[in-house]
């Protein structure tokens, strides 16, 4: 019962009832990634392409889609990573969650929320004055 209520009242946690119904009617499971997200395809979108979607494992966080699946989701490649034996490039870094709004977020020098001080002004900038 709790799972039903969560799906009924929250869109950011897993899937909604509408998504569950659409997946049941038209979805074909394509695969699953290392984070537990499940990928589906079925039906047609407005451009006539096969519609593709993901059901997140937990909160809906778009940055949790690995690069191989991202390319498949956006129709950059036709073959999904499980059947393509996708191997990440050596320059690809492991996934990091989106840290915006947390203590680990990037704060540049001089930021009000940062712990560093703003650099001194060097005087190489003249402010614009209207009519001057």
N, C-alpha and C. Protein backbone atom coordinates (compact mmCIF):
# COMPACT_ATOMS: atom_id res chain seq x y z
N UNK A 1 0.82 -1.19 0.00
CA UNK A 1 0.00 0.00 0.00
C UNK A 1 0.87 1.26 0.00
N UNK A 2 1.97 1.21 0.76
CA UNK A 2 2.86 2.38 0.81
C UNK A 2 3.44 2.68 -0.57
N UNK A 3 3.85 1.63 -1.29
CA UNK A 3 4.43 1.82 -2.63
C UNK A 3 3.41 2.45 -3.57
N UNK A 4 2.15 2.03 -3.47
CA UNK A 4 1.10 2.60 -4.30
C UNK A 4 0.93 4.09 -4.00
N UNK A 5 0.89 4.46 -2.72
CA UNK A 5 0.72 5.86 -2.35
C UNK A 5 1.91 6.71 -2.79
N UNK A 6 3.11 6.17 -2.66
CA UNK A 6 4.29 6.91 -3.10
C UNK A 6 4.23 7.15 -4.61
N UNK A 7 3.85 6.14 -5.37
CA UNK A 7 3.76 6.30 -6.82
C UNK A 7 2.62 7.23 -7.21
N UNK A 8 1.58 7.26 -6.43
CA UNK A 8 0.42 8.08 -6.74
C UNK A 8 0.69 9.56 -6.48
N UNK A 9 1.45 9.86 -5.42
CA UNK A 9 1.61 11.25 -5.01
C UNK A 9 2.97 11.87 -5.32
N UNK A 10 3.94 11.09 -5.75
CA UNK A 10 5.26 11.66 -6.04
C UNK A 10 5.69 11.31 -7.46
N UNK A 11 6.19 12.28 -8.18
CA UNK A 11 6.69 12.04 -9.54
C UNK A 11 8.20 11.86 -9.53
N UNK A 12 8.87 12.23 -8.45
CA UNK A 12 10.33 12.21 -8.40
C UNK A 12 10.90 10.93 -7.82
N UNK A 13 10.06 10.01 -7.42
CA UNK A 13 10.52 8.79 -6.77
C UNK A 13 10.09 7.58 -7.58
N UNK A 14 11.00 7.04 -8.39
CA UNK A 14 10.69 5.85 -9.20
C UNK A 14 9.81 6.20 -10.38
N UNK A 15 8.61 5.67 -10.40
CA UNK A 15 7.70 5.91 -11.51
C UNK A 15 6.31 6.25 -10.99
N UNK A 16 5.57 7.00 -11.80
CA UNK A 16 4.20 7.33 -11.45
C UNK A 16 3.29 6.23 -11.95
N UNK A 17 2.02 6.30 -11.57
CA UNK A 17 1.07 5.29 -12.06
C UNK A 17 0.89 5.38 -13.56
N UNK A 18 0.92 6.60 -14.11
CA UNK A 18 0.82 6.77 -15.56
C UNK A 18 1.97 6.11 -16.30
N UNK A 19 3.18 6.28 -15.76
CA UNK A 19 4.35 5.64 -16.37
C UNK A 19 4.25 4.12 -16.24
N UNK A 20 3.80 3.66 -15.10
CA UNK A 20 3.64 2.21 -14.89
C UNK A 20 2.65 1.63 -15.91
N UNK A 21 1.53 2.34 -16.12
CA UNK A 21 0.52 1.87 -17.06
C UNK A 21 1.05 1.89 -18.49
N UNK A 22 1.73 2.98 -18.88
CA UNK A 22 2.30 3.07 -20.23
C UNK A 22 3.35 1.98 -20.44
N UNK A 23 4.17 1.73 -19.43
CA UNK A 23 5.18 0.68 -19.54
C UNK A 23 4.53 -0.69 -19.70
N UNK A 24 3.48 -0.92 -18.95
CA UNK A 24 2.77 -2.19 -19.03
C UNK A 24 2.15 -2.39 -20.41
N UNK A 25 1.59 -1.30 -20.99
CA UNK A 25 0.91 -1.40 -22.29
C UNK A 25 1.88 -1.48 -23.46
N UNK A 26 2.87 -0.60 -23.50
CA UNK A 26 3.70 -0.46 -24.70
C UNK A 26 5.18 -0.73 -24.49
N UNK A 27 5.62 -0.91 -23.27
CA UNK A 27 7.05 -1.00 -23.01
C UNK A 27 7.65 -2.37 -23.21
N UNK A 28 8.85 -2.36 -23.74
CA UNK A 28 9.67 -3.56 -23.86
C UNK A 28 10.97 -3.27 -23.13
N UNK A 29 11.30 -4.09 -22.14
CA UNK A 29 12.51 -3.87 -21.37
C UNK A 29 13.73 -4.11 -22.26
N UNK A 30 14.64 -3.13 -22.24
CA UNK A 30 15.85 -3.21 -23.05
C UNK A 30 17.04 -3.62 -22.19
N UNK A 31 17.08 -3.11 -20.96
CA UNK A 31 18.20 -3.46 -20.10
C UNK A 31 18.19 -2.70 -18.80
N UNK A 32 19.24 -2.91 -18.03
CA UNK A 32 19.38 -2.29 -16.72
C UNK A 32 20.83 -1.87 -16.55
N UNK A 33 21.07 -0.71 -15.91
CA UNK A 33 22.44 -0.26 -15.71
C UNK A 33 22.94 -0.62 -14.32
N UNK A 34 24.16 -0.21 -14.02
CA UNK A 34 24.78 -0.57 -12.75
C UNK A 34 24.15 0.11 -11.54
N UNK A 35 23.33 1.15 -11.77
CA UNK A 35 22.66 1.85 -10.67
C UNK A 35 21.28 1.27 -10.39
N UNK A 36 20.84 0.32 -11.19
CA UNK A 36 19.52 -0.29 -10.99
C UNK A 36 18.42 0.38 -11.79
N UNK A 37 18.75 1.36 -12.63
CA UNK A 37 17.77 2.00 -13.50
C UNK A 37 17.40 1.03 -14.61
N UNK A 38 16.11 0.98 -14.96
CA UNK A 38 15.63 0.05 -15.99
C UNK A 38 15.19 0.86 -17.20
N UNK A 39 15.60 0.43 -18.39
CA UNK A 39 15.35 1.15 -19.64
C UNK A 39 14.35 0.40 -20.50
N UNK A 40 13.43 1.17 -21.12
CA UNK A 40 12.37 0.61 -21.93
C UNK A 40 12.28 1.35 -23.25
N UNK A 41 11.64 0.68 -24.21
CA UNK A 41 11.28 1.33 -25.47
C UNK A 41 9.96 0.75 -25.94
N UNK A 42 9.27 1.55 -26.77
CA UNK A 42 7.99 1.11 -27.31
C UNK A 42 7.15 2.30 -27.72
N UNK A 43 6.29 2.09 -28.69
CA UNK A 43 5.46 3.18 -29.20
C UNK A 43 6.28 4.13 -30.04
N UNK A 44 5.66 5.20 -30.49
CA UNK A 44 6.34 6.19 -31.33
C UNK A 44 6.22 7.56 -30.68
N UNK A 45 7.26 8.40 -30.87
CA UNK A 45 7.19 9.77 -30.39
C UNK A 45 6.67 10.67 -31.50
N UNK A 46 6.66 11.97 -31.27
CA UNK A 46 6.09 12.91 -32.25
C UNK A 46 6.89 12.97 -33.54
N UNK A 47 8.15 12.53 -33.54
CA UNK A 47 8.98 12.53 -34.74
C UNK A 47 8.99 11.19 -35.45
N UNK A 48 8.20 10.24 -34.95
CA UNK A 48 8.11 8.93 -35.59
C UNK A 48 9.16 7.94 -35.14
N UNK A 49 10.01 8.34 -34.18
CA UNK A 49 11.04 7.43 -33.67
C UNK A 49 10.45 6.59 -32.54
N UNK A 50 11.09 5.48 -32.25
CA UNK A 50 10.68 4.64 -31.13
C UNK A 50 10.92 5.41 -29.84
N UNK A 51 9.90 5.44 -28.99
CA UNK A 51 10.01 6.15 -27.73
C UNK A 51 10.86 5.35 -26.75
N UNK A 52 11.74 6.03 -26.03
CA UNK A 52 12.62 5.39 -25.06
C UNK A 52 12.50 6.12 -23.73
N UNK A 53 12.48 5.35 -22.63
CA UNK A 53 12.39 5.97 -21.31
C UNK A 53 13.08 5.12 -20.27
N UNK A 54 13.30 5.73 -19.12
CA UNK A 54 13.99 5.07 -18.01
C UNK A 54 13.10 5.15 -16.77
N UNK A 55 13.13 4.09 -15.99
CA UNK A 55 12.50 4.10 -14.67
C UNK A 55 13.64 4.03 -13.67
N UNK A 56 13.80 5.13 -12.93
CA UNK A 56 14.92 5.27 -12.01
C UNK A 56 14.76 4.37 -10.80
N UNK A 57 15.89 3.94 -10.28
CA UNK A 57 15.92 3.19 -9.04
C UNK A 57 16.05 4.22 -7.92
N UNK A 58 14.92 4.63 -7.36
CA UNK A 58 14.92 5.68 -6.34
C UNK A 58 14.52 7.00 -6.96
N UNK A 59 15.15 8.07 -6.50
CA UNK A 59 14.78 9.41 -6.96
C UNK A 59 15.15 9.60 -8.43
N UNK A 60 14.32 10.36 -9.13
CA UNK A 60 14.55 10.67 -10.54
C UNK A 60 15.66 11.71 -10.63
N UNK A 61 16.85 11.27 -10.94
CA UNK A 61 18.02 12.13 -11.05
C UNK A 61 18.67 11.85 -12.40
N UNK A 62 18.51 12.79 -13.34
CA UNK A 62 18.99 12.57 -14.71
C UNK A 62 20.49 12.35 -14.79
N UNK A 63 21.24 12.86 -13.83
CA UNK A 63 22.69 12.65 -13.88
C UNK A 63 23.07 11.21 -13.52
N UNK A 64 22.10 10.38 -13.13
CA UNK A 64 22.38 8.99 -12.79
C UNK A 64 22.36 8.07 -14.02
N UNK A 65 22.17 8.63 -15.21
CA UNK A 65 22.20 7.82 -16.43
C UNK A 65 23.64 7.76 -16.94
N UNK A 66 24.24 6.56 -17.03
CA UNK A 66 25.61 6.44 -17.52
C UNK A 66 25.73 6.89 -18.99
N UNK A 67 26.94 7.24 -19.43
CA UNK A 67 27.13 7.76 -20.79
C UNK A 67 26.61 6.85 -21.90
N UNK A 68 26.84 5.55 -21.80
CA UNK A 68 26.37 4.63 -22.85
C UNK A 68 24.86 4.65 -22.98
N UNK A 69 24.17 4.64 -21.85
CA UNK A 69 22.71 4.68 -21.88
C UNK A 69 22.20 6.05 -22.30
N UNK A 70 22.93 7.11 -21.95
CA UNK A 70 22.52 8.46 -22.36
C UNK A 70 22.47 8.56 -23.88
N UNK A 71 23.49 8.02 -24.54
CA UNK A 71 23.50 8.05 -26.01
C UNK A 71 22.34 7.28 -26.60
N UNK A 72 22.00 6.15 -26.01
CA UNK A 72 20.87 5.37 -26.50
C UNK A 72 19.56 6.09 -26.25
N UNK A 73 19.39 6.68 -25.06
CA UNK A 73 18.15 7.39 -24.71
C UNK A 73 17.86 8.53 -25.68
N UNK A 74 18.91 9.23 -26.13
CA UNK A 74 18.76 10.39 -27.00
C UNK A 74 18.93 10.05 -28.48
N UNK A 75 18.81 8.78 -28.83
CA UNK A 75 18.87 8.30 -30.22
C UNK A 75 20.18 8.66 -30.90
N UNK A 76 21.28 8.73 -30.14
CA UNK A 76 22.59 8.96 -30.75
C UNK A 76 23.15 7.66 -31.29
N UNK A 77 22.76 6.54 -30.66
CA UNK A 77 23.14 5.21 -31.12
C UNK A 77 21.89 4.37 -31.18
N UNK A 78 21.87 3.40 -32.08
CA UNK A 78 20.69 2.56 -32.24
C UNK A 78 20.72 1.33 -31.35
N UNK A 79 21.91 0.94 -30.91
CA UNK A 79 22.06 -0.29 -30.14
C UNK A 79 22.27 0.07 -28.67
N UNK A 80 21.50 -0.57 -27.80
CA UNK A 80 21.62 -0.32 -26.36
C UNK A 80 22.92 -0.91 -25.82
N UNK A 81 23.49 -0.34 -24.76
CA UNK A 81 24.76 -0.82 -24.22
C UNK A 81 24.84 -2.31 -23.89
N UNK A 82 23.79 -2.96 -23.34
CA UNK A 82 23.99 -4.39 -23.02
C UNK A 82 24.27 -5.25 -24.24
N UNK A 83 23.63 -4.94 -25.37
CA UNK A 83 23.84 -5.76 -26.55
C UNK A 83 25.04 -5.29 -27.37
N UNK A 84 25.56 -4.12 -27.05
CA UNK A 84 26.68 -3.56 -27.79
C UNK A 84 28.00 -3.82 -27.08
N UNK A 85 27.96 -4.42 -25.88
CA UNK A 85 29.16 -4.60 -25.06
C UNK A 85 29.90 -3.29 -24.88
N UNK A 86 29.18 -2.30 -24.39
CA UNK A 86 29.72 -0.96 -24.19
C UNK A 86 30.87 -0.98 -23.21
N UNK A 87 32.00 -0.39 -23.60
CA UNK A 87 33.17 -0.26 -22.73
C UNK A 87 33.47 1.23 -22.63
N UNK A 88 33.48 1.76 -21.39
CA UNK A 88 33.77 3.20 -21.24
C UNK A 88 35.17 3.53 -21.75
N UNK A 89 35.33 4.75 -22.23
CA UNK A 89 36.63 5.22 -22.68
C UNK A 89 37.54 5.40 -21.47
N UNK A 90 38.85 5.39 -21.71
CA UNK A 90 39.78 5.53 -20.59
C UNK A 90 39.73 6.92 -19.97
N UNK A 91 39.25 7.94 -20.72
CA UNK A 91 39.18 9.30 -20.19
C UNK A 91 37.90 9.57 -19.42
N UNK A 92 36.94 8.63 -19.44
CA UNK A 92 35.69 8.84 -18.73
C UNK A 92 35.87 8.60 -17.24
N UNK A 93 35.33 9.51 -16.45
CA UNK A 93 35.42 9.41 -14.99
C UNK A 93 34.22 8.66 -14.46
N UNK A 94 34.35 8.06 -13.27
CA UNK A 94 33.19 7.41 -12.67
C UNK A 94 32.12 8.44 -12.32
N UNK A 95 30.90 7.98 -12.21
CA UNK A 95 29.78 8.87 -11.97
C UNK A 95 29.90 9.57 -10.63
N UNK A 96 29.56 10.86 -10.62
CA UNK A 96 29.42 11.63 -9.40
C UNK A 96 28.02 12.20 -9.39
N UNK A 97 27.32 12.15 -8.27
CA UNK A 97 25.98 12.72 -8.24
C UNK A 97 26.02 14.24 -8.40
N UNK A 98 24.89 14.81 -8.76
CA UNK A 98 24.77 16.26 -8.88
C UNK A 98 24.83 16.85 -7.48
N UNK A 99 25.85 17.65 -7.20
CA UNK A 99 26.07 18.18 -5.85
C UNK A 99 25.48 19.57 -5.64
N UNK A 100 24.74 20.08 -6.60
CA UNK A 100 24.13 21.39 -6.46
C UNK A 100 23.23 21.42 -5.24
N UNK A 101 23.37 22.45 -4.42
CA UNK A 101 22.54 22.59 -3.23
C UNK A 101 23.05 21.84 -2.03
N UNK A 102 24.21 21.22 -2.14
CA UNK A 102 24.79 20.49 -1.01
C UNK A 102 26.08 21.18 -0.59
N UNK A 103 26.66 20.70 0.50
CA UNK A 103 27.93 21.24 0.96
C UNK A 103 29.08 20.94 0.02
N UNK A 104 28.93 19.95 -0.85
CA UNK A 104 29.99 19.59 -1.79
C UNK A 104 29.91 20.33 -3.12
N UNK A 105 28.99 21.28 -3.25
CA UNK A 105 28.82 22.01 -4.50
C UNK A 105 30.04 22.91 -4.77
N UNK A 106 30.30 23.17 -6.03
CA UNK A 106 31.42 24.03 -6.42
C UNK A 106 31.12 25.47 -6.02
N UNK A 107 32.08 26.09 -5.38
CA UNK A 107 31.96 27.50 -5.01
C UNK A 107 33.25 28.20 -5.45
N UNK A 108 33.15 29.12 -6.41
CA UNK A 108 34.35 29.79 -6.90
C UNK A 108 34.93 30.74 -5.85
N UNK A 109 36.14 31.20 -6.10
CA UNK A 109 36.79 32.15 -5.20
C UNK A 109 35.92 33.40 -5.09
N UNK A 110 35.73 33.86 -3.88
CA UNK A 110 34.95 35.07 -3.67
C UNK A 110 33.46 34.81 -3.51
N UNK A 111 33.03 33.57 -3.62
CA UNK A 111 31.61 33.26 -3.46
C UNK A 111 31.17 33.57 -2.04
N UNK A 112 29.96 34.05 -1.89
CA UNK A 112 29.41 34.36 -0.57
C UNK A 112 29.37 33.10 0.29
N UNK A 113 29.10 31.96 -0.33
CA UNK A 113 29.00 30.70 0.41
C UNK A 113 30.33 29.98 0.56
N UNK A 114 31.35 30.45 -0.13
CA UNK A 114 32.65 29.80 -0.05
C UNK A 114 33.41 30.22 1.19
N UNK A 115 34.53 29.54 1.45
CA UNK A 115 35.34 29.86 2.62
C UNK A 115 36.59 30.64 2.25
N UNK A 116 36.69 31.11 1.02
CA UNK A 116 37.84 31.91 0.59
C UNK A 116 37.41 33.36 0.40
N UNK A 117 38.39 34.23 0.34
CA UNK A 117 38.10 35.65 0.16
C UNK A 117 38.21 36.01 -1.31
N UNK A 118 37.48 37.04 -1.68
CA UNK A 118 37.51 37.52 -3.06
C UNK A 118 38.87 38.15 -3.33
N UNK A 119 39.45 37.88 -4.51
CA UNK A 119 40.75 38.48 -4.83
C UNK A 119 40.64 40.00 -4.91
N UNK A 120 41.72 40.67 -4.61
CA UNK A 120 41.74 42.13 -4.68
C UNK A 120 41.56 42.60 -6.13
N UNK A 121 40.89 43.72 -6.28
CA UNK A 121 40.68 44.31 -7.59
C UNK A 121 41.99 44.92 -8.06
N UNK A 122 42.35 44.69 -9.34
CA UNK A 122 43.63 45.17 -9.85
C UNK A 122 43.54 46.54 -10.50
N UNK A 123 42.34 47.02 -10.75
CA UNK A 123 42.20 48.34 -11.36
C UNK A 123 42.24 48.32 -12.87
N UNK A 124 42.20 47.13 -13.49
CA UNK A 124 42.26 47.05 -14.94
C UNK A 124 40.87 47.07 -15.57
N UNK A 125 39.87 47.44 -14.80
CA UNK A 125 38.50 47.45 -15.29
C UNK A 125 37.87 48.80 -14.97
N UNK A 126 37.26 49.41 -15.97
CA UNK A 126 36.52 50.66 -15.77
C UNK A 126 35.05 50.38 -15.99
N UNK A 127 34.25 50.69 -14.99
CA UNK A 127 32.83 50.47 -15.08
C UNK A 127 32.20 51.37 -16.13
N UNK A 128 31.19 50.87 -16.78
CA UNK A 128 30.47 51.64 -17.80
C UNK A 128 29.61 52.70 -17.12
N UNK A 129 29.63 53.87 -17.68
CA UNK A 129 28.82 54.97 -17.17
C UNK A 129 27.89 55.43 -18.28
N UNK A 130 26.59 55.49 -18.05
CA UNK A 130 25.68 55.92 -19.11
C UNK A 130 25.97 57.34 -19.55
N UNK A 131 25.96 57.57 -20.84
CA UNK A 131 26.14 58.92 -21.42
C UNK A 131 27.58 59.36 -21.44
N UNK A 132 28.50 58.52 -21.05
CA UNK A 132 29.90 58.96 -21.04
C UNK A 132 30.61 58.52 -22.30
